[in-house]
Amino acid sequence: MSFSGLSTVPAVLRFPIGLLAALPALFVMDRVMTSLPEGTSAPAVAAGVLSETAIDDAPTRVAAAAHYLAGLGTGLLFVYFSLVAEAVLGGSSFLSVAATTVVLYVLMVAFFLVVPLPRAPGVEDTRRRVIGRDWAISAAAYLAVLAPLVVGLTLAAA
């Protein structure tokens, strides 16, 4: 498969593709998340921090809004990081897509582990570790869907 067509699609079209691809990626992430021991605790962590409540009592609407807005935003970040990787690596390639995916995965997991998770009220260390592990798995599932979808849809638009 040739990735050279990615860079021929203007950014003004690539960003909406990132948003569009984020929707099924979020759906898959949700399915994976609900099958894990801590289920939907990761979005509840964000809601708990935002509302200053324990994650088990965090508002579900705030959790859903934080989760889905972050997921859509991450679709845009994937496109942005792809454009940066293409500029740095001299064009679109398998390496630029792989580098984008790895960098975004590390940022997704590191951000969650460093910013909201330690600030979540009423979460003991053992549970914090399980939530962090579940988040890492969920983020991998999200990117496993997002990356090929963005590439495929972008190549289709080329």
N, C-alpha and C. Protein backbone atom coordinates (compact mmCIF):
# COMPACT_ATOMS: atom_id res chain seq x y z
N MET A 1 0.84 -1.18 0.00
CA MET A 1 0.00 0.00 0.00
C MET A 1 0.88 1.23 0.00
N SER A 2 0.57 2.17 -0.86
CA SER A 2 1.32 3.41 -0.95
C SER A 2 0.66 4.49 -0.11
N PHE A 3 1.47 5.15 0.69
CA PHE A 3 0.96 6.22 1.55
C PHE A 3 1.23 7.59 0.95
N SER A 4 1.85 7.64 -0.22
CA SER A 4 2.25 8.92 -0.80
C SER A 4 1.06 9.82 -1.12
N GLY A 5 -0.11 9.24 -1.34
CA GLY A 5 -1.29 10.05 -1.66
C GLY A 5 -1.81 10.85 -0.49
N LEU A 6 -1.41 10.50 0.73
CA LEU A 6 -1.90 11.22 1.91
C LEU A 6 -1.56 12.70 1.85
N SER A 7 -0.33 13.00 1.46
CA SER A 7 0.11 14.39 1.48
C SER A 7 -0.49 15.20 0.34
N THR A 8 -1.15 14.56 -0.62
CA THR A 8 -1.78 15.31 -1.70
C THR A 8 -3.15 15.86 -1.30
N VAL A 9 -3.70 15.37 -0.21
CA VAL A 9 -5.01 15.84 0.26
C VAL A 9 -4.78 17.06 1.15
N PRO A 10 -5.44 18.18 0.83
CA PRO A 10 -5.22 19.38 1.64
C PRO A 10 -5.72 19.22 3.08
N ALA A 11 -5.06 19.93 3.98
CA ALA A 11 -5.40 19.86 5.40
C ALA A 11 -6.85 20.21 5.64
N VAL A 12 -7.41 21.11 4.85
CA VAL A 12 -8.80 21.53 5.03
C VAL A 12 -9.77 20.35 4.85
N LEU A 13 -9.36 19.33 4.12
CA LEU A 13 -10.17 18.11 3.98
C LEU A 13 -9.76 17.04 4.99
N ARG A 14 -8.51 17.06 5.37
CA ARG A 14 -8.02 16.01 6.28
C ARG A 14 -8.56 16.16 7.70
N PHE A 15 -8.75 17.39 8.17
CA PHE A 15 -9.27 17.57 9.53
C PHE A 15 -10.70 17.03 9.67
N PRO A 16 -11.62 17.30 8.74
CA PRO A 16 -12.94 16.67 8.85
C PRO A 16 -12.89 15.14 8.77
N ILE A 17 -11.93 14.61 8.02
CA ILE A 17 -11.75 13.16 7.97
C ILE A 17 -11.37 12.63 9.35
N GLY A 18 -10.51 13.36 10.05
CA GLY A 18 -10.14 12.97 11.42
C GLY A 18 -11.33 12.95 12.34
N LEU A 19 -12.20 13.94 12.22
CA LEU A 19 -13.43 13.98 13.03
C LEU A 19 -14.34 12.80 12.69
N LEU A 20 -14.52 12.57 11.41
CA LEU A 20 -15.38 11.48 10.96
C LEU A 20 -14.86 10.12 11.42
N ALA A 21 -13.57 9.91 11.30
CA ALA A 21 -12.96 8.63 11.70
C ALA A 21 -13.00 8.43 13.21
N ALA A 22 -13.05 9.53 13.96
CA ALA A 22 -13.09 9.42 15.42
C ALA A 22 -14.39 8.79 15.92
N LEU A 23 -15.46 8.94 15.18
CA LEU A 23 -16.75 8.40 15.63
C LEU A 23 -16.74 6.88 15.76
N PRO A 24 -16.39 6.13 14.70
CA PRO A 24 -16.32 4.67 14.89
C PRO A 24 -15.21 4.25 15.85
N ALA A 25 -14.13 5.03 15.91
CA ALA A 25 -13.06 4.71 16.86
C ALA A 25 -13.57 4.82 18.29
N LEU A 26 -14.38 5.84 18.54
CA LEU A 26 -15.00 5.98 19.87
C LEU A 26 -15.96 4.84 20.17
N PHE A 27 -16.71 4.41 19.16
CA PHE A 27 -17.64 3.30 19.35
C PHE A 27 -16.88 2.04 19.76
N VAL A 28 -15.79 1.74 19.07
CA VAL A 28 -14.98 0.56 19.40
C VAL A 28 -14.35 0.74 20.78
N MET A 29 -13.84 1.93 21.05
CA MET A 29 -13.25 2.19 22.36
C MET A 29 -14.27 1.94 23.47
N ASP A 30 -15.49 2.40 23.26
CA ASP A 30 -16.55 2.19 24.26
C ASP A 30 -16.81 0.71 24.49
N ARG A 31 -16.85 -0.06 23.41
CA ARG A 31 -17.08 -1.50 23.53
C ARG A 31 -15.96 -2.18 24.31
N VAL A 32 -14.73 -1.81 24.01
CA VAL A 32 -13.58 -2.37 24.72
C VAL A 32 -13.61 -1.93 26.18
N MET A 33 -13.86 -0.65 26.40
CA MET A 33 -13.86 -0.09 27.75
C MET A 33 -14.88 -0.81 28.65
N THR A 34 -16.07 -1.05 28.14
CA THR A 34 -17.10 -1.68 28.97
C THR A 34 -16.81 -3.15 29.25
N SER A 35 -15.90 -3.74 28.50
CA SER A 35 -15.55 -5.15 28.75
C SER A 35 -14.40 -5.29 29.76
N LEU A 36 -13.81 -4.17 30.17
CA LEU A 36 -12.68 -4.20 31.09
C LEU A 36 -13.16 -4.08 32.54
N PRO A 37 -12.32 -4.49 33.49
CA PRO A 37 -12.74 -4.49 34.91
C PRO A 37 -13.28 -3.15 35.42
N GLU A 38 -12.66 -2.05 35.05
CA GLU A 38 -13.11 -0.75 35.55
C GLU A 38 -14.13 -0.08 34.62
N GLY A 39 -14.49 -0.75 33.53
CA GLY A 39 -15.55 -0.24 32.66
C GLY A 39 -15.38 1.20 32.27
N THR A 40 -16.38 2.00 32.59
CA THR A 40 -16.37 3.40 32.19
C THR A 40 -15.79 4.32 33.26
N SER A 41 -14.90 3.81 34.05
CA SER A 41 -14.27 4.63 35.09
C SER A 41 -13.41 5.75 34.51
N ALA A 42 -12.79 5.52 33.37
CA ALA A 42 -11.92 6.56 32.80
C ALA A 42 -12.69 7.85 32.50
N PRO A 43 -13.83 7.79 31.80
CA PRO A 43 -14.59 9.03 31.63
C PRO A 43 -15.11 9.59 32.96
N ALA A 44 -15.42 8.71 33.90
CA ALA A 44 -15.88 9.17 35.21
C ALA A 44 -14.77 9.89 35.97
N VAL A 45 -13.52 9.52 35.71
CA VAL A 45 -12.38 10.22 36.32
C VAL A 45 -12.40 11.68 35.87
N ALA A 46 -12.54 11.89 34.57
CA ALA A 46 -12.58 13.27 34.06
C ALA A 46 -13.76 14.03 34.66
N ALA A 47 -14.92 13.39 34.71
CA ALA A 47 -16.10 14.04 35.28
C ALA A 47 -15.92 14.32 36.77
N GLY A 48 -15.29 13.39 37.47
CA GLY A 48 -15.05 13.58 38.89
C GLY A 48 -14.12 14.75 39.15
N VAL A 49 -13.09 14.87 38.34
CA VAL A 49 -12.15 15.99 38.50
C VAL A 49 -12.85 17.30 38.16
N LEU A 50 -13.61 17.31 37.08
CA LEU A 50 -14.30 18.54 36.67
C LEU A 50 -15.38 18.98 37.66
N SER A 51 -16.06 18.00 38.26
CA SER A 51 -17.16 18.33 39.18
C SER A 51 -16.76 18.25 40.65
N GLU A 52 -15.50 17.85 40.89
CA GLU A 52 -14.98 17.70 42.25
C GLU A 52 -15.83 16.73 43.08
N THR A 53 -16.18 15.61 42.45
CA THR A 53 -16.92 14.55 43.14
C THR A 53 -16.19 13.23 42.96
N ALA A 54 -16.48 12.29 43.83
CA ALA A 54 -15.90 10.95 43.70
C ALA A 54 -16.32 10.36 42.36
N ILE A 55 -15.45 9.56 41.75
CA ILE A 55 -15.75 9.08 40.40
C ILE A 55 -17.00 8.20 40.36
N ASP A 56 -17.30 7.51 41.44
CA ASP A 56 -18.50 6.68 41.45
C ASP A 56 -19.78 7.52 41.50
N ASP A 57 -19.65 8.78 41.91
CA ASP A 57 -20.79 9.70 41.99
C ASP A 57 -20.72 10.79 40.92
N ALA A 58 -19.75 10.70 40.04
CA ALA A 58 -19.55 11.75 39.03
C ALA A 58 -20.75 11.80 38.08
N PRO A 59 -21.12 12.99 37.64
CA PRO A 59 -22.25 13.13 36.73
C PRO A 59 -22.01 12.41 35.40
N THR A 60 -22.92 11.54 35.02
CA THR A 60 -22.73 10.75 33.79
C THR A 60 -22.74 11.62 32.54
N ARG A 61 -23.50 12.69 32.54
CA ARG A 61 -23.52 13.57 31.35
C ARG A 61 -22.18 14.28 31.18
N VAL A 62 -21.59 14.68 32.30
CA VAL A 62 -20.26 15.32 32.22
C VAL A 62 -19.24 14.30 31.74
N ALA A 63 -19.34 13.07 32.25
CA ALA A 63 -18.42 12.01 31.82
C ALA A 63 -18.56 11.76 30.32
N ALA A 64 -19.79 11.66 29.84
CA ALA A 64 -20.02 11.40 28.41
C ALA A 64 -19.51 12.57 27.57
N ALA A 65 -19.81 13.79 27.99
CA ALA A 65 -19.36 14.96 27.23
C ALA A 65 -17.84 15.02 27.18
N ALA A 66 -17.18 14.82 28.32
CA ALA A 66 -15.72 14.86 28.35
C ALA A 66 -15.13 13.77 27.45
N HIS A 67 -15.70 12.57 27.54
CA HIS A 67 -15.20 11.43 26.76
C HIS A 67 -15.34 11.66 25.26
N TYR A 68 -16.53 12.05 24.83
CA TYR A 68 -16.77 12.18 23.39
C TYR A 68 -16.10 13.42 22.80
N LEU A 69 -16.07 14.51 23.54
CA LEU A 69 -15.36 15.69 23.03
C LEU A 69 -13.85 15.43 22.95
N ALA A 70 -13.31 14.75 23.95
CA ALA A 70 -11.88 14.40 23.91
C ALA A 70 -11.59 13.45 22.75
N GLY A 71 -12.49 12.50 22.52
CA GLY A 71 -12.31 11.55 21.42
C GLY A 71 -12.34 12.23 20.06
N LEU A 72 -13.27 13.17 19.89
CA LEU A 72 -13.32 13.92 18.63
C LEU A 72 -12.08 14.79 18.48
N GLY A 73 -11.67 15.43 19.57
CA GLY A 73 -10.47 16.24 19.53
C GLY A 73 -9.22 15.44 19.21
N THR A 74 -9.20 14.20 19.68
CA THR A 74 -8.05 13.34 19.40
C THR A 74 -8.00 12.96 17.92
N GLY A 75 -9.16 12.86 17.29
CA GLY A 75 -9.18 12.65 15.84
C GLY A 75 -8.52 13.81 15.11
N LEU A 76 -8.79 15.03 15.58
CA LEU A 76 -8.14 16.21 15.00
C LEU A 76 -6.64 16.22 15.30
N LEU A 77 -6.28 15.84 16.53
CA LEU A 77 -4.85 15.77 16.88
C LEU A 77 -4.11 14.76 16.01
N PHE A 78 -4.77 13.64 15.71
CA PHE A 78 -4.12 12.64 14.85
C PHE A 78 -3.78 13.26 13.50
N VAL A 79 -4.70 14.00 12.93
CA VAL A 79 -4.44 14.63 11.64
C VAL A 79 -3.32 15.66 11.77
N TYR A 80 -3.38 16.47 12.81
CA TYR A 80 -2.34 17.49 13.02
C TYR A 80 -0.96 16.84 13.16
N PHE A 81 -0.86 15.82 14.02
CA PHE A 81 0.42 15.14 14.19
C PHE A 81 0.86 14.44 12.91
N SER A 82 -0.08 13.96 12.11
CA SER A 82 0.26 13.36 10.82
C SER A 82 0.91 14.39 9.90
N LEU A 83 0.32 15.58 9.87
CA LEU A 83 0.88 16.65 9.04
C LEU A 83 2.28 17.04 9.52
N VAL A 84 2.47 17.10 10.82
CA VAL A 84 3.79 17.41 11.38
C VAL A 84 4.79 16.30 11.03
N ALA A 85 4.37 15.05 11.20
CA ALA A 85 5.26 13.92 10.89
C ALA A 85 5.65 13.91 9.41
N GLU A 86 4.68 14.22 8.55
CA GLU A 86 4.99 14.27 7.11
C GLU A 86 5.99 15.38 6.80
N ALA A 87 5.86 16.52 7.48
CA ALA A 87 6.79 17.62 7.26
C ALA A 87 8.19 17.25 7.75
N VAL A 88 8.25 16.61 8.90
CA VAL A 88 9.54 16.25 9.50
C VAL A 88 10.20 15.11 8.71
N LEU A 89 9.41 14.13 8.29
CA LEU A 89 9.97 12.95 7.63
C LEU A 89 10.02 13.07 6.11
N GLY A 90 9.64 14.22 5.57
CA GLY A 90 9.77 14.45 4.14
C GLY A 90 8.66 13.84 3.30
N GLY A 91 7.48 13.69 3.84
CA GLY A 91 6.34 13.18 3.08
C GLY A 91 5.61 12.09 3.83
N SER A 92 4.50 11.69 3.27
CA SER A 92 3.70 10.65 3.92
C SER A 92 4.27 9.28 3.60
N SER A 93 4.26 8.44 4.62
CA SER A 93 4.81 7.09 4.47
C SER A 93 4.24 6.24 5.60
N PHE A 94 4.54 4.96 5.53
CA PHE A 94 4.15 4.10 6.64
C PHE A 94 4.78 4.59 7.93
N LEU A 95 6.02 5.04 7.84
CA LEU A 95 6.73 5.53 9.03
C LEU A 95 6.04 6.76 9.62
N SER A 96 5.57 7.67 8.78
CA SER A 96 4.91 8.88 9.32
C SER A 96 3.61 8.52 10.02
N VAL A 97 2.87 7.55 9.48
CA VAL A 97 1.62 7.12 10.12
C VAL A 97 1.92 6.37 11.42
N ALA A 98 2.90 5.48 11.38
CA ALA A 98 3.27 4.73 12.58
C ALA A 98 3.79 5.67 13.67
N ALA A 99 4.62 6.63 13.30
CA ALA A 99 5.16 7.58 14.28
C ALA A 99 4.03 8.40 14.89
N THR A 100 3.10 8.85 14.07
CA THR A 100 1.95 9.61 14.57
C THR A 100 1.16 8.78 15.57
N THR A 101 0.90 7.53 15.23
CA THR A 101 0.10 6.66 16.09
C THR A 101 0.81 6.41 17.43
N VAL A 102 2.08 6.13 17.38
CA VAL A 102 2.83 5.86 18.62
C VAL A 102 2.91 7.11 19.49
N VAL A 103 3.22 8.25 18.89
CA VAL A 103 3.32 9.49 19.66
C VAL A 103 1.98 9.83 20.29
N LEU A 104 0.91 9.71 19.53
CA LEU A 104 -0.41 10.03 20.08
C LEU A 104 -0.81 9.06 21.18
N TYR A 105 -0.48 7.79 21.03
CA TYR A 105 -0.77 6.81 22.09
C TYR A 105 -0.05 7.18 23.38
N VAL A 106 1.22 7.47 23.26
CA VAL A 106 2.01 7.83 24.45
C VAL A 106 1.43 9.09 25.10
N LEU A 107 1.07 10.07 24.30
CA LEU A 107 0.49 11.31 24.86
C LEU A 107 -0.87 11.07 25.51
N MET A 108 -1.71 10.24 24.88
CA MET A 108 -3.03 9.94 25.45
C MET A 108 -2.90 9.28 26.82
N VAL A 109 -2.04 8.28 26.88
CA VAL A 109 -1.90 7.52 28.13
C VAL A 109 -1.18 8.37 29.18
N ALA A 110 -0.09 9.03 28.79
CA ALA A 110 0.67 9.84 29.75
C ALA A 110 -0.19 10.98 30.29
N PHE A 111 -0.93 11.65 29.44
CA PHE A 111 -1.78 12.75 29.90
C PHE A 111 -2.79 12.24 30.93
N PHE A 112 -3.46 11.15 30.62
CA PHE A 112 -4.47 10.61 31.54
C PHE A 112 -3.84 10.20 32.87
N LEU A 113 -2.68 9.56 32.81
CA LEU A 113 -2.02 9.09 34.04
C LEU A 113 -1.44 10.22 34.88
N VAL A 114 -1.09 11.34 34.25
CA VAL A 114 -0.43 12.42 34.96
C VAL A 114 -1.38 13.55 35.35
N VAL A 115 -2.40 13.83 34.53
CA VAL A 115 -3.25 14.98 34.82
C VAL A 115 -4.54 14.58 35.55
N PRO A 116 -5.53 13.93 34.91
CA PRO A 116 -6.77 13.71 35.65
C PRO A 116 -6.72 12.59 36.69
N LEU A 117 -6.07 11.47 36.37
CA LEU A 117 -6.13 10.32 37.27
C LEU A 117 -5.61 10.61 38.68
N PRO A 118 -4.46 11.26 38.85
CA PRO A 118 -4.00 11.55 40.21
C PRO A 118 -4.90 12.55 40.95
N ARG A 119 -5.68 13.33 40.22
CA ARG A 119 -6.55 14.32 40.84
C ARG A 119 -7.95 13.81 41.12
N ALA A 120 -8.23 12.58 40.71
CA ALA A 120 -9.57 12.02 40.90
C ALA A 120 -9.84 11.80 42.39
N PRO A 121 -10.90 12.42 42.90
CA PRO A 121 -11.20 12.29 44.33
C PRO A 121 -11.63 10.87 44.71
N GLY A 122 -11.11 10.39 45.82
CA GLY A 122 -11.56 9.14 46.39
C GLY A 122 -11.15 7.87 45.67
N VAL A 123 -10.04 7.88 44.97
CA VAL A 123 -9.59 6.67 44.26
C VAL A 123 -8.31 6.18 44.91
N GLU A 124 -8.36 4.98 45.48
CA GLU A 124 -7.16 4.43 46.12
C GLU A 124 -6.17 3.93 45.05
N ASP A 125 -4.92 3.73 45.48
CA ASP A 125 -3.84 3.39 44.55
C ASP A 125 -4.10 2.13 43.74
N THR A 126 -4.64 1.09 44.38
CA THR A 126 -4.87 -0.17 43.63
C THR A 126 -5.86 0.06 42.50
N ARG A 127 -6.92 0.76 42.80
CA ARG A 127 -7.93 1.03 41.77
C ARG A 127 -7.37 1.96 40.71
N ARG A 128 -6.55 2.91 41.12
CA ARG A 128 -5.94 3.86 40.19
C ARG A 128 -5.10 3.11 39.14
N ARG A 129 -4.36 2.09 39.59
CA ARG A 129 -3.54 1.30 38.66
C ARG A 129 -4.42 0.54 37.65
N VAL A 130 -5.52 -0.03 38.12
CA VAL A 130 -6.42 -0.77 37.22
C VAL A 130 -7.07 0.19 36.22
N ILE A 131 -7.49 1.34 36.69
CA ILE A 131 -8.10 2.33 35.79
C ILE A 131 -7.07 2.77 34.74
N GLY A 132 -5.84 3.00 35.15
CA GLY A 132 -4.78 3.39 34.22
C GLY A 132 -4.51 2.32 33.18
N ARG A 133 -4.46 1.07 33.63
CA ARG A 133 -4.24 -0.03 32.68
C ARG A 133 -5.40 -0.14 31.70
N ASP A 134 -6.62 -0.05 32.22
CA ASP A 134 -7.79 -0.12 31.35
C ASP A 134 -7.81 1.03 30.34
N TRP A 135 -7.38 2.21 30.79
CA TRP A 135 -7.31 3.35 29.87
C TRP A 135 -6.29 3.09 28.76
N ALA A 136 -5.14 2.52 29.11
CA ALA A 136 -4.11 2.23 28.11
C ALA A 136 -4.64 1.25 27.06
N ILE A 137 -5.39 0.25 27.50
CA ILE A 137 -5.98 -0.72 26.56
C ILE A 137 -7.03 -0.04 25.69
N SER A 138 -7.87 0.77 26.31
CA SER A 138 -8.93 1.47 25.56
C SER A 138 -8.34 2.44 24.54
N ALA A 139 -7.29 3.15 24.91
CA ALA A 139 -6.63 4.08 24.00
C ALA A 139 -6.02 3.33 22.81
N ALA A 140 -5.45 2.16 23.07
CA ALA A 140 -4.89 1.35 21.98
C ALA A 140 -5.99 0.92 21.01
N ALA A 141 -7.13 0.52 21.54
CA ALA A 141 -8.26 0.12 20.69
C ALA A 141 -8.73 1.29 19.84
N TYR A 142 -8.82 2.46 20.45
CA TYR A 142 -9.25 3.67 19.75
C TYR A 142 -8.32 3.95 18.57
N LEU A 143 -7.01 3.93 18.82
CA LEU A 143 -6.05 4.23 17.76
C LEU A 143 -5.96 3.11 16.72
N ALA A 144 -6.24 1.88 17.13
CA ALA A 144 -6.23 0.77 16.17
C ALA A 144 -7.34 0.93 15.13
N VAL A 145 -8.37 1.65 15.48
CA VAL A 145 -9.45 1.94 14.53
C VAL A 145 -9.21 3.27 13.84
N LEU A 146 -8.82 4.29 14.61
CA LEU A 146 -8.66 5.63 14.07
C LEU A 146 -7.60 5.70 12.97
N ALA A 147 -6.42 5.18 13.22
CA ALA A 147 -5.31 5.33 12.27
C ALA A 147 -5.64 4.75 10.89
N PRO A 148 -6.08 3.49 10.79
CA PRO A 148 -6.39 2.98 9.45
C PRO A 148 -7.58 3.69 8.79
N LEU A 149 -8.54 4.11 9.60
CA LEU A 149 -9.67 4.83 9.02
C LEU A 149 -9.26 6.18 8.44
N VAL A 150 -8.44 6.92 9.19
CA VAL A 150 -7.97 8.21 8.68
C VAL A 150 -7.17 8.00 7.40
N VAL A 151 -6.28 7.03 7.42
CA VAL A 151 -5.46 6.75 6.23
C VAL A 151 -6.35 6.35 5.05
N GLY A 152 -7.25 5.40 5.28
CA GLY A 152 -8.12 4.92 4.20
C GLY A 152 -9.01 6.01 3.64
N LEU A 153 -9.66 6.78 4.51
CA LEU A 153 -10.54 7.86 4.04
C LEU A 153 -9.76 8.97 3.34
N THR A 154 -8.56 9.24 3.85
CA THR A 154 -7.73 10.28 3.20
C THR A 154 -7.27 9.81 1.81
N LEU A 155 -6.87 8.55 1.71
CA LEU A 155 -6.45 8.03 0.41
C LEU A 155 -7.64 7.98 -0.56
N ALA A 156 -8.82 7.71 -0.04
CA ALA A 156 -10.02 7.70 -0.88
C ALA A 156 -10.33 9.10 -1.41
N ALA A 157 -9.97 10.12 -0.64
CA ALA A 157 -10.22 11.50 -1.05
C ALA A 157 -9.14 12.02 -1.99
N ALA A 158 -8.03 11.28 -2.09
CA ALA A 158 -6.90 11.74 -2.92
C ALA A 158 -7.23 11.67 -4.40
